[in-house]
C-alpha atoms as a PDB file:
ATOM      1  CA  MET A   1       0.000   0.000   0.000  1.00  0.00           C
ATOM      2  CA  LEU A   2       1.293   3.430  -0.909  1.00  0.00           C
ATOM      3  CA  THR A   3       1.633   6.245   1.601  1.00  0.00           C
ATOM      4  CA  VAL A   4       1.818  10.014   1.274  1.00  0.00           C
ATOM      5  CA  ASN A   5       5.626   9.658   1.232  1.00  0.00           C
ATOM      6  CA  ASP A   6       5.336   7.834  -2.109  1.00  0.00           C
ATOM      7  CA  LEU A   7       3.630  10.771  -3.867  1.00  0.00           C
ATOM      8  CA  THR A   8       5.522  12.512  -6.659  1.00  0.00           C
ATOM      9  CA  ASN A   9       6.181  15.781  -4.813  1.00  0.00           C
ATOM     10  CA  ASP A  10       6.108  18.968  -6.906  1.00  0.00           C
ATOM     11  CA  PHE A  11       4.731  17.074  -9.935  1.00  0.00           C
ATOM     12  CA  PHE A  12       2.249  19.825 -10.848  1.00  0.00           C
ATOM     13  CA  LYS A  13       4.882  22.545 -10.529  1.00  0.00           C
ATOM     14  CA  ARG A  14       7.290  20.621 -12.779  1.00  0.00           C
ATOM     15  CA  PHE A  15       4.558  19.637 -15.256  1.00  0.00           C
ATOM     16  CA  LEU A  16       3.299  23.206 -15.671  1.00  0.00           C
ATOM     17  CA  ALA A  17       6.891  24.455 -16.046  1.00  0.00           C
ATOM     18  CA  ASN A  18       7.521  21.904 -18.856  1.00  0.00           C
ATOM     19  CA  ASP A  19      10.351  20.372 -16.817  1.00  0.00           C
ATOM     20  CA  ASP A  20      12.147  17.711 -18.895  1.00  0.00           C
ATOM     21  CA  ASN A  21      12.579  15.581 -15.745  1.00  0.00           C
ATOM     22  CA  CYS A  22       8.852  15.486 -15.012  1.00  0.00           C
ATOM     23  CA  PRO A  23       7.784  11.825 -14.648  1.00  0.00           C
ATOM     24  CA  GLU A  24       5.357  10.368 -17.192  1.00  0.00           C
ATOM     25  CA  LYS A  25       3.531   8.275 -14.565  1.00  0.00           C
ATOM     26  CA  PRO A  26       3.435  10.261 -11.309  1.00  0.00           C
ATOM     27  CA  ILE A  27       1.968   8.898  -8.107  1.00  0.00           C
ATOM     28  CA  LEU A  28      -0.843  11.256  -7.098  1.00  0.00           C
ATOM     29  CA  GLN A  29      -3.569  11.214  -4.461  1.00  0.00           C
ATOM     30  CA  ILE A  30      -7.246  11.679  -5.297  1.00  0.00           C
ATOM     31  CA  LEU A  31      -8.594  14.171  -2.765  1.00  0.00           C
ATOM     32  CA  ASP A  32     -12.091  14.405  -4.246  1.00  0.00           C
ATOM     33  CA  ALA A  33     -14.072  12.825  -7.091  1.00  0.00           C
ATOM     34  CA  ARG A  34     -17.468  14.119  -8.181  1.00  0.00           C
ATOM     35  CA  PRO A  35     -19.673  13.108 -11.091  1.00  0.00           C
ATOM     36  CA  ILE A  36     -20.135  15.673 -13.848  1.00  0.00           C
ATOM     37  CA  LYS A  37     -23.874  15.984 -14.353  1.00  0.00           C
ATOM     38  CA  ASN A  38     -23.996  17.907 -17.656  1.00  0.00           C
ATOM     39  CA  ASN A  39     -24.526  14.748 -19.705  1.00  0.00           C
ATOM     40  CA  PRO A  40     -25.736  11.720 -17.682  1.00  0.00           C
ATOM     41  CA  ALA A  41     -25.069   9.362 -20.615  1.00  0.00           C
ATOM     42  CA  ASP A  42     -21.364  10.263 -20.532  1.00  0.00           C
ATOM     43  CA  LYS A  43     -20.186   9.068 -17.114  1.00  0.00           C
ATOM     44  CA  ARG A  44     -17.327  11.386 -16.291  1.00  0.00           C
ATOM     45  CA  HIS A  45     -15.957  12.628 -12.982  1.00  0.00           C
ATOM     46  CA  ARG A  46     -14.108  15.748 -11.927  1.00  0.00           C
ATOM     47  CA  PHE A  47     -11.111  15.109  -9.690  1.00  0.00           C
ATOM     48  CA  ARG A  48      -9.033  17.124  -7.280  1.00  0.00           C
ATOM     49  CA  LEU A  49      -5.548  15.610  -7.239  1.00  0.00           C
ATOM     50  CA  SER A  50      -2.588  16.186  -4.934  1.00  0.00           C
ATOM     51  CA  ASP A  51       1.121  15.573  -5.436  1.00  0.00           C
ATOM     52  CA  GLY A  52       1.806  16.025  -1.722  1.00  0.00           C
ATOM     53  CA  VAL A  53       2.679  19.712  -2.136  1.00  0.00           C
ATOM     54  CA  PHE A  54       0.240  21.179  -4.646  1.00  0.00           C
ATOM     55  CA  SER A  55      -3.286  20.228  -5.671  1.00  0.00           C
ATOM     56  CA  TYR A  56      -5.008  20.532  -9.027  1.00  0.00           C
ATOM     57  CA  SER A  57      -8.773  20.515  -9.416  1.00  0.00           C
ATOM     58  CA  THR A  58      -9.620  20.587 -13.104  1.00  0.00           C
ATOM     59  CA  CYS A  59      -9.019  16.952 -13.993  1.00  0.00           C
ATOM     60  CA  THR A  60     -11.558  14.676 -15.656  1.00  0.00           C
ATOM     61  CA  ASN A  61     -11.496  11.014 -16.581  1.00  0.00           C
ATOM     62  CA  GLN A  62     -12.183   9.226 -19.828  1.00  0.00           C
ATOM     63  CA  SER A  63     -15.626   7.644 -19.907  1.00  0.00           C
ATOM     64  CA  GLN A  64     -14.024   4.202 -20.429  1.00  0.00           C
ATOM     65  CA  ILE A  65     -12.864   4.078 -16.790  1.00  0.00           C
ATOM     66  CA  ALA A  66     -16.092   5.379 -15.230  1.00  0.00           C
ATOM     67  CA  GLY A  67     -16.954   1.925 -13.873  1.00  0.00           C
ATOM     68  CA  ARG A  68     -13.603   1.672 -12.095  1.00  0.00           C
ATOM     69  CA  VAL A  69     -14.076   5.164 -10.624  1.00  0.00           C
ATOM     70  CA  GLU A  70     -17.538   4.273  -9.320  1.00  0.00           C
ATOM     71  CA  ALA A  71     -16.273   0.952  -7.876  1.00  0.00           C
ATOM     72  CA  ASP A  72     -13.272   2.706  -6.219  1.00  0.00           C
ATOM     73  CA  LYS A  73     -10.842   0.522  -8.178  1.00  0.00           C
ATOM     74  CA  LEU A  74      -8.591   3.019  -9.963  1.00  0.00           C
ATOM     75  CA  SER A  75      -5.406   1.387  -8.685  1.00  0.00           C
ATOM     76  CA  GLU A  76      -6.095  -1.792 -10.687  1.00  0.00           C
END
């Protein structure tokens, strides 16, 4: 099981600065996940993610993983 110490600290800062050393697969924490209700047929969620230092709140998922989001199985 991962802990907060495993998060990719400063990922958002490095990503937004176009840092060449920014990891392609960061370890982030989901702080909040809410369904987007604009189009009920398209099951998408809005996420607030944290890298342990900064958080980012304008993230959405692809509809293909909606079932995993709803079943709380994103780590699989």
